[in-house]
Amino acid sequence: GVPGRVELRARMTAFSLYVLPMLAFVAVVL
């Protein structure tokens, strides 16, 4: 019975742990 808002926020956070550093690298390199 995991609330939908909690689940989606958790999934966004976990995914962003890997993606945000890559996006920061792209911004600096470009």
PDB file of all heavy atoms in Angstrom:
ATOM      1  N   GLY A   1       0.790  -1.211   0.000  1.00  0.00           N
ATOM      2  CA  GLY A   1       0.000   0.000   0.000  1.00  0.00           C
ATOM      3  C   GLY A   1       0.830   1.272   0.000  1.00  0.00           C
ATOM      4  O   GLY A   1       0.510   2.250   0.703  1.00  0.00           O
ATOM      5  N   VAL A   2       1.898   1.302  -0.773  1.00  0.00           N
ATOM      6  CA  VAL A   2       2.757   2.484  -0.847  1.00  0.00           C
ATOM      7  C   VAL A   2       1.995   3.616  -1.529  1.00  0.00           C
ATOM      8  O   VAL A   2       1.465   3.436  -2.625  1.00  0.00           O
ATOM      9  CB  VAL A   2       4.040   2.169  -1.631  1.00  0.00           C
ATOM     10  CG1 VAL A   2       4.924   3.397  -1.730  1.00  0.00           C
ATOM     11  CG2 VAL A   2       4.794   1.024  -0.979  1.00  0.00           C
ATOM     12  N   PRO A   3       1.915   4.795  -0.912  1.00  0.00           N
ATOM     13  CA  PRO A   3       1.227   5.924  -1.553  1.00  0.00           C
ATOM     14  C   PRO A   3       1.889   6.294  -2.872  1.00  0.00           C
ATOM     15  O   PRO A   3       3.122   6.255  -3.004  1.00  0.00           O
ATOM     16  CB  PRO A   3       1.350   7.046  -0.520  1.00  0.00           C
ATOM     17  CG  PRO A   3       1.593   6.361   0.774  1.00  0.00           C
ATOM     18  CD  PRO A   3       2.375   5.133   0.444  1.00  0.00           C
ATOM     19  N   GLY A   4       1.073   6.654  -3.843  1.00  0.00           N
ATOM     20  CA  GLY A   4       1.603   6.958  -5.165  1.00  0.00           C
ATOM     21  C   GLY A   4       2.575   8.120  -5.171  1.00  0.00           C
ATOM     22  O   GLY A   4       3.590   8.082  -5.865  1.00  0.00           O
ATOM     23  N   ARG A   5       2.288   9.163  -4.385  1.00  0.00           N
ATOM     24  CA  ARG A   5       3.176  10.325  -4.379  1.00  0.00           C
ATOM     25  C   ARG A   5       4.537   9.970  -3.799  1.00  0.00           C
ATOM     26  O   ARG A   5       5.575  10.401  -4.311  1.00  0.00           O
ATOM     27  CB  ARG A   5       2.536  11.444  -3.567  1.00  0.00           C
ATOM     28  CG  ARG A   5       1.204  11.931  -4.128  1.00  0.00           C
ATOM     29  CD  ARG A   5       0.535  12.916  -3.193  1.00  0.00           C
ATOM     30  NE  ARG A   5      -0.803  13.269  -3.670  1.00  0.00           N
ATOM     31  CZ  ARG A   5      -1.647  14.064  -3.002  1.00  0.00           C
ATOM     32  NH1 ARG A   5      -1.294  14.579  -1.824  1.00  0.00           N
ATOM     33  NH2 ARG A   5      -2.844  14.329  -3.511  1.00  0.00           N
ATOM     34  N   VAL A   6       4.538   9.168  -2.736  1.00  0.00           N
ATOM     35  CA  VAL A   6       5.811   8.758  -2.135  1.00  0.00           C
ATOM     36  C   VAL A   6       6.609   7.908  -3.121  1.00  0.00           C
ATOM     37  O   VAL A   6       7.829   8.078  -3.281  1.00  0.00           O
ATOM     38  CB  VAL A   6       5.546   7.989  -0.828  1.00  0.00           C
ATOM     39  CG1 VAL A   6       6.855   7.446  -0.253  1.00  0.00           C
ATOM     40  CG2 VAL A   6       4.850   8.879   0.190  1.00  0.00           C
ATOM     41  N   GLU A   7       5.946   6.996  -3.780  1.00  0.00           N
ATOM     42  CA  GLU A   7       6.644   6.115  -4.714  1.00  0.00           C
ATOM     43  C   GLU A   7       7.243   6.890  -5.872  1.00  0.00           C
ATOM     44  O   GLU A   7       8.404   6.669  -6.241  1.00  0.00           O
ATOM     45  CB  GLU A   7       5.692   5.043  -5.233  1.00  0.00           C
ATOM     46  CG  GLU A   7       6.320   4.152  -6.281  1.00  0.00           C
ATOM     47  CD  GLU A   7       5.658   2.798  -6.370  1.00  0.00           C
ATOM     48  OE1 GLU A   7       4.709   2.541  -5.615  1.00  0.00           O
ATOM     49  OE2 GLU A   7       6.107   1.998  -7.201  1.00  0.00           O
ATOM     50  N   LEU A   8       6.484   7.797  -6.456  1.00  0.00           N
ATOM     51  CA  LEU A   8       6.997   8.541  -7.602  1.00  0.00           C
ATOM     52  C   LEU A   8       8.134   9.471  -7.194  1.00  0.00           C
ATOM     53  O   LEU A   8       9.117   9.618  -7.934  1.00  0.00           O
ATOM     54  CB  LEU A   8       5.861   9.332  -8.250  1.00  0.00           C
ATOM     55  CG  LEU A   8       4.809   8.482  -8.969  1.00  0.00           C
ATOM     56  CD1 LEU A   8       3.698   9.359  -9.529  1.00  0.00           C
ATOM     57  CD2 LEU A   8       5.438   7.669 -10.093  1.00  0.00           C
ATOM     58  N   ARG A   9       8.036  10.107  -6.025  1.00  0.00           N
ATOM     59  CA  ARG A   9       9.127  10.968  -5.577  1.00  0.00           C
ATOM     60  C   ARG A   9      10.392  10.135  -5.325  1.00  0.00           C
ATOM     61  O   ARG A   9      11.506  10.564  -5.640  1.00  0.00           O
ATOM     62  CB  ARG A   9       8.737  11.723  -4.311  1.00  0.00           C
ATOM     63  CG  ARG A   9       7.744  12.846  -4.536  1.00  0.00           C
ATOM     64  CD  ARG A   9       7.794  13.845  -3.392  1.00  0.00           C
ATOM     65  NE  ARG A   9       7.504  13.217  -2.106  1.00  0.00           N
ATOM     66  CZ  ARG A   9       6.307  13.132  -1.559  1.00  0.00           C
ATOM     67  NH1 ARG A   9       5.263  13.654  -2.201  1.00  0.00           N
ATOM     68  NH2 ARG A   9       6.134  12.560  -0.388  1.00  0.00           N
ATOM     69  N   ALA A  10      10.205   8.951  -4.740  1.00  0.00           N
ATOM     70  CA  ALA A  10      11.368   8.092  -4.492  1.00  0.00           C
ATOM     71  C   ALA A  10      12.010   7.635  -5.796  1.00  0.00           C
ATOM     72  O   ALA A  10      13.247   7.609  -5.919  1.00  0.00           O
ATOM     73  CB  ALA A  10      10.946   6.892  -3.657  1.00  0.00           C
ATOM     74  N   ARG A  11      11.198   7.273  -6.766  1.00  0.00           N
ATOM     75  CA  ARG A  11      11.747   6.843  -8.056  1.00  0.00           C
ATOM     76  C   ARG A  11      12.460   7.993  -8.749  1.00  0.00           C
ATOM     77  O   ARG A  11      13.537   7.800  -9.354  1.00  0.00           O
ATOM     78  CB  ARG A  11      10.621   6.305  -8.945  1.00  0.00           C
ATOM     79  CG  ARG A  11      10.066   4.945  -8.480  1.00  0.00           C
ATOM     80  CD  ARG A  11       8.884   4.513  -9.335  1.00  0.00           C
ATOM     81  NE  ARG A  11       8.359   3.223  -8.911  1.00  0.00           N
ATOM     82  CZ  ARG A  11       8.730   2.050  -9.416  1.00  0.00           C
ATOM     83  NH1 ARG A  11       9.642   2.007 -10.371  1.00  0.00           N
ATOM     84  NH2 ARG A  11       8.198   0.920  -8.971  1.00  0.00           N
ATOM     85  N   MET A  12      11.900   9.181  -8.718  1.00  0.00           N
ATOM     86  CA  MET A  12      12.574  10.344  -9.298  1.00  0.00           C
ATOM     87  C   MET A  12      13.918  10.602  -8.616  1.00  0.00           C
ATOM     88  O   MET A  12      14.931  10.877  -9.271  1.00  0.00           O
ATOM     89  CB  MET A  12      11.686  11.583  -9.156  1.00  0.00           C
ATOM     90  CG  MET A  12      10.455  11.602 -10.009  1.00  0.00           C
ATOM     91  SD  MET A  12       9.531  13.146  -9.720  1.00  0.00           S
ATOM     92  CE  MET A  12       8.105  12.898 -10.765  1.00  0.00           C
ATOM     93  N   THR A  13      13.927  10.513  -7.294  1.00  0.00           N
ATOM     94  CA  THR A  13      15.157  10.790  -6.547  1.00  0.00           C
ATOM     95  C   THR A  13      16.242   9.784  -6.876  1.00  0.00           C
ATOM     96  O   THR A  13      17.406  10.151  -7.118  1.00  0.00           O
ATOM     97  CB  THR A  13      14.859  10.768  -5.040  1.00  0.00           C
ATOM     98  OG1 THR A  13      13.829  11.721  -4.739  1.00  0.00           O
ATOM     99  CG2 THR A  13      16.105  11.117  -4.241  1.00  0.00           C
ATOM    100  N   ALA A  14      15.900   8.492  -6.879  1.00  0.00           N
ATOM    101  CA  ALA A  14      16.897   7.460  -7.164  1.00  0.00           C
ATOM    102  C   ALA A  14      17.454   7.604  -8.578  1.00  0.00           C
ATOM    103  O   ALA A  14      18.672   7.490  -8.791  1.00  0.00           O
ATOM    104  CB  ALA A  14      16.273   6.082  -6.973  1.00  0.00           C
ATOM    105  N   PHE A  15      16.596   7.865  -9.529  1.00  0.00           N
ATOM    106  CA  PHE A  15      17.045   8.041 -10.910  1.00  0.00           C
ATOM    107  C   PHE A  15      17.941   9.272 -11.029  1.00  0.00           C
ATOM    108  O   PHE A  15      18.961   9.257 -11.737  1.00  0.00           O
ATOM    109  CB  PHE A  15      15.822   8.158 -11.813  1.00  0.00           C
ATOM    110  CG  PHE A  15      16.150   8.308 -13.272  1.00  0.00           C
ATOM    111  CD1 PHE A  15      16.801   7.303 -13.961  1.00  0.00           C
ATOM    112  CD2 PHE A  15      15.794   9.458 -13.969  1.00  0.00           C
ATOM    113  CE1 PHE A  15      17.101   7.430 -15.311  1.00  0.00           C
ATOM    114  CE2 PHE A  15      16.086   9.596 -15.311  1.00  0.00           C
ATOM    115  CZ  PHE A  15      16.734   8.580 -15.985  1.00  0.00           C
ATOM    116  N   SER A  16      17.587  10.332 -10.325  1.00  0.00           N
ATOM    117  CA  SER A  16      18.356  11.575 -10.403  1.00  0.00           C
ATOM    118  C   SER A  16      19.730  11.440  -9.767  1.00  0.00           C
ATOM    119  O   SER A  16      20.645  12.208 -10.105  1.00  0.00           O
ATOM    120  CB  SER A  16      17.583  12.713  -9.731  1.00  0.00           C
ATOM    121  OG  SER A  16      16.332  12.915 -10.365  1.00  0.00           O
ATOM    122  N   LEU A  17      19.908  10.503  -8.852  1.00  0.00           N
ATOM    123  CA  LEU A  17      21.222  10.302  -8.248  1.00  0.00           C
ATOM    124  C   LEU A  17      22.280   9.957  -9.294  1.00  0.00           C
ATOM    125  O   LEU A  17      23.464  10.259  -9.115  1.00  0.00           O
ATOM    126  CB  LEU A  17      21.155   9.192  -7.196  1.00  0.00           C
ATOM    127  CG  LEU A  17      20.346   9.493  -5.932  1.00  0.00           C
ATOM    128  CD1 LEU A  17      20.300   8.265  -5.023  1.00  0.00           C
ATOM    129  CD2 LEU A  17      20.923  10.680  -5.183  1.00  0.00           C
ATOM    130  N   TYR A  18      21.870   9.332 -10.371  1.00  0.00           N
ATOM    131  CA  TYR A  18      22.797   8.976 -11.449  1.00  0.00           C
ATOM    132  C   TYR A  18      22.759   9.969 -12.603  1.00  0.00           C
ATOM    133  O   TYR A  18      23.785  10.219 -13.239  1.00  0.00           O
ATOM    134  CB  TYR A  18      22.469   7.576 -11.974  1.00  0.00           C
ATOM    135  CG  TYR A  18      22.606   6.491 -10.953  1.00  0.00           C
ATOM    136  CD1 TYR A  18      21.493   5.936 -10.340  1.00  0.00           C
ATOM    137  CD2 TYR A  18      23.856   6.009 -10.580  1.00  0.00           C
ATOM    138  CE1 TYR A  18      21.612   4.924  -9.390  1.00  0.00           C
ATOM    139  CE2 TYR A  18      23.992   5.008  -9.635  1.00  0.00           C
ATOM    140  CZ  TYR A  18      22.863   4.470  -9.035  1.00  0.00           C
ATOM    141  OH  TYR A  18      22.998   3.488  -8.094  1.00  0.00           O
ATOM    142  N   VAL A  19      21.601  10.539 -12.867  1.00  0.00           N
ATOM    143  CA  VAL A  19      21.457  11.389 -14.050  1.00  0.00           C
ATOM    144  C   VAL A  19      21.969  12.798 -13.804  1.00  0.00           C
ATOM    145  O   VAL A  19      22.624  13.396 -14.673  1.00  0.00           O
ATOM    146  CB  VAL A  19      19.981  11.420 -14.498  1.00  0.00           C
ATOM    147  CG1 VAL A  19      19.786  12.400 -15.641  1.00  0.00           C
ATOM    148  CG2 VAL A  19      19.544  10.035 -14.924  1.00  0.00           C
ATOM    149  N   LEU A  20      21.694  13.377 -12.644  1.00  0.00           N
ATOM    150  CA  LEU A  20      22.092  14.765 -12.392  1.00  0.00           C
ATOM    151  C   LEU A  20      23.604  14.967 -12.486  1.00  0.00           C
ATOM    152  O   LEU A  20      24.049  15.973 -13.067  1.00  0.00           O
ATOM    153  CB  LEU A  20      21.571  15.226 -11.031  1.00  0.00           C
ATOM    154  CG  LEU A  20      20.060  15.494 -10.967  1.00  0.00           C
ATOM    155  CD1 LEU A  20      19.660  15.959  -9.569  1.00  0.00           C
ATOM    156  CD2 LEU A  20      19.647  16.535 -12.002  1.00  0.00           C
ATOM    157  N   PRO A  21      24.448  14.072 -11.948  1.00  0.00           N
ATOM    158  CA  PRO A  21      25.891  14.267 -12.175  1.00  0.00           C
ATOM    159  C   PRO A  21      26.275  14.239 -13.645  1.00  0.00           C
ATOM    160  O   PRO A  21      27.159  14.993 -14.075  1.00  0.00           O
ATOM    161  CB  PRO A  21      26.522  13.096 -11.404  1.00  0.00           C
ATOM    162  CG  PRO A  21      25.535  12.756 -10.352  1.00  0.00           C
ATOM    163  CD  PRO A  21      24.194  12.985 -10.989  1.00  0.00           C
ATOM    164  N   MET A  22      25.617  13.381 -14.434  1.00  0.00           N
ATOM    165  CA  MET A  22      25.913  13.350 -15.865  1.00  0.00           C
ATOM    166  C   MET A  22      25.494  14.652 -16.532  1.00  0.00           C
ATOM    167  O   MET A  22      26.213  15.188 -17.389  1.00  0.00           O
ATOM    168  CB  MET A  22      25.213  12.161 -16.523  1.00  0.00           C
ATOM    169  CG  MET A  22      25.806  10.808 -16.142  1.00  0.00           C
ATOM    170  SD  MET A  22      25.191   9.448 -17.170  1.00  0.00           S
ATOM    171  CE  MET A  22      23.510   9.331 -16.600  1.00  0.00           C
ATOM    172  N   LEU A  23      24.332  15.186 -16.157  1.00  0.00           N
ATOM    173  CA  LEU A  23      23.881  16.442 -16.736  1.00  0.00           C
ATOM    174  C   LEU A  23      24.800  17.594 -16.341  1.00  0.00           C
ATOM    175  O   LEU A  23      25.083  18.485 -17.157  1.00  0.00           O
ATOM    176  CB  LEU A  23      22.442  16.735 -16.291  1.00  0.00           C
ATOM    177  CG  LEU A  23      21.376  15.735 -16.753  1.00  0.00           C
ATOM    178  CD1 LEU A  23      19.997  16.189 -16.294  1.00  0.00           C
ATOM    179  CD2 LEU A  23      21.399  15.570 -18.268  1.00  0.00           C
ATOM    180  N   ALA A  24      25.283  17.590 -15.106  1.00  0.00           N
ATOM    181  CA  ALA A  24      26.227  18.625 -14.681  1.00  0.00           C
ATOM    182  C   ALA A  24      27.524  18.531 -15.484  1.00  0.00           C
ATOM    183  O   ALA A  24      28.100  19.557 -15.885  1.00  0.00           O
ATOM    184  CB  ALA A  24      26.515  18.481 -13.188  1.00  0.00           C
ATOM    185  N   PHE A  25      27.969  17.316 -15.752  1.00  0.00           N
ATOM    186  CA  PHE A  25      29.177  17.117 -16.559  1.00  0.00           C
ATOM    187  C   PHE A  25      28.966  17.652 -17.972  1.00  0.00           C
ATOM    188  O   PHE A  25      29.851  18.307 -18.545  1.00  0.00           O
ATOM    189  CB  PHE A  25      29.529  15.636 -16.584  1.00  0.00           C
ATOM    190  CG  PHE A  25      30.734  15.308 -17.406  1.00  0.00           C
ATOM    191  CD1 PHE A  25      32.004  15.533 -16.914  1.00  0.00           C
ATOM    192  CD2 PHE A  25      30.596  14.768 -18.683  1.00  0.00           C
ATOM    193  CE1 PHE A  25      33.128  15.237 -17.678  1.00  0.00           C
ATOM    194  CE2 PHE A  25      31.711  14.467 -19.445  1.00  0.00           C
ATOM    195  CZ  PHE A  25      32.978  14.696 -18.943  1.00  0.00           C
ATOM    196  N   VAL A  26      27.804  17.375 -18.555  1.00  0.00           N
ATOM    197  CA  VAL A  26      27.502  17.877 -19.898  1.00  0.00           C
ATOM    198  C   VAL A  26      27.513  19.399 -19.913  1.00  0.00           C
ATOM    199  O   VAL A  26      28.055  20.032 -20.835  1.00  0.00           O
ATOM    200  CB  VAL A  26      26.136  17.341 -20.365  1.00  0.00           C
ATOM    201  CG1 VAL A  26      25.700  18.023 -21.656  1.00  0.00           C
ATOM    202  CG2 VAL A  26      26.202  15.836 -20.573  1.00  0.00           C
ATOM    203  N   ALA A  27      26.916  20.023 -18.897  1.00  0.00           N
ATOM    204  CA  ALA A  27      26.864  21.485 -18.843  1.00  0.00           C
ATOM    205  C   ALA A  27      28.259  22.096 -18.770  1.00  0.00           C
ATOM    206  O   ALA A  27      28.572  23.066 -19.479  1.00  0.00           O
ATOM    207  CB  ALA A  27      26.024  21.921 -17.638  1.00  0.00           C
ATOM    208  N   VAL A  28      29.117  21.523 -17.951  1.00  0.00           N
ATOM    209  CA  VAL A  28      30.472  22.076 -17.791  1.00  0.00           C
ATOM    210  C   VAL A  28      31.298  21.848 -19.057  1.00  0.00           C
ATOM    211  O   VAL A  28      31.974  22.752 -19.553  1.00  0.00           O
ATOM    212  CB  VAL A  28      31.154  21.438 -16.569  1.00  0.00           C
ATOM    213  CG1 VAL A  28      32.614  21.858 -16.493  1.00  0.00           C
ATOM    214  CG2 VAL A  28      30.414  21.839 -15.289  1.00  0.00           C
ATOM    215  N   VAL A  29      31.244  20.639 -19.600  1.00  0.00           N
ATOM    216  CA  VAL A  29      32.046  20.316 -20.782  1.00  0.00           C
ATOM    217  C   VAL A  29      31.647  21.174 -21.977  1.00  0.00           C
ATOM    218  O   VAL A  29      32.506  21.702 -22.694  1.00  0.00           O
ATOM    219  CB  VAL A  29      31.909  18.818 -21.120  1.00  0.00           C
ATOM    220  CG1 VAL A  29      32.483  18.515 -22.500  1.00  0.00           C
ATOM    221  CG2 VAL A  29      32.614  17.982 -20.074  1.00  0.00           C
ATOM    222  N   LEU A  30      30.344  21.332 -22.207  1.00  0.00           N
ATOM    223  CA  LEU A  30      29.906  22.131 -23.347  1.00  0.00           C
ATOM    224  C   LEU A  30      30.340  23.585 -23.200  1.00  0.00           C
ATOM    225  O   LEU A  30      30.800  24.204 -24.169  1.00  0.00           O
ATOM    226  CB  LEU A  30      28.385  22.044 -23.485  1.00  0.00           C
ATOM    227  CG  LEU A  30      27.793  22.837 -24.652  1.00  0.00           C
ATOM    228  CD1 LEU A  30      28.351  22.334 -25.978  1.00  0.00           C
ATOM    229  CD2 LEU A  30      26.277  22.759 -24.653  1.00  0.00           C
TER     230      LEU A  30
END
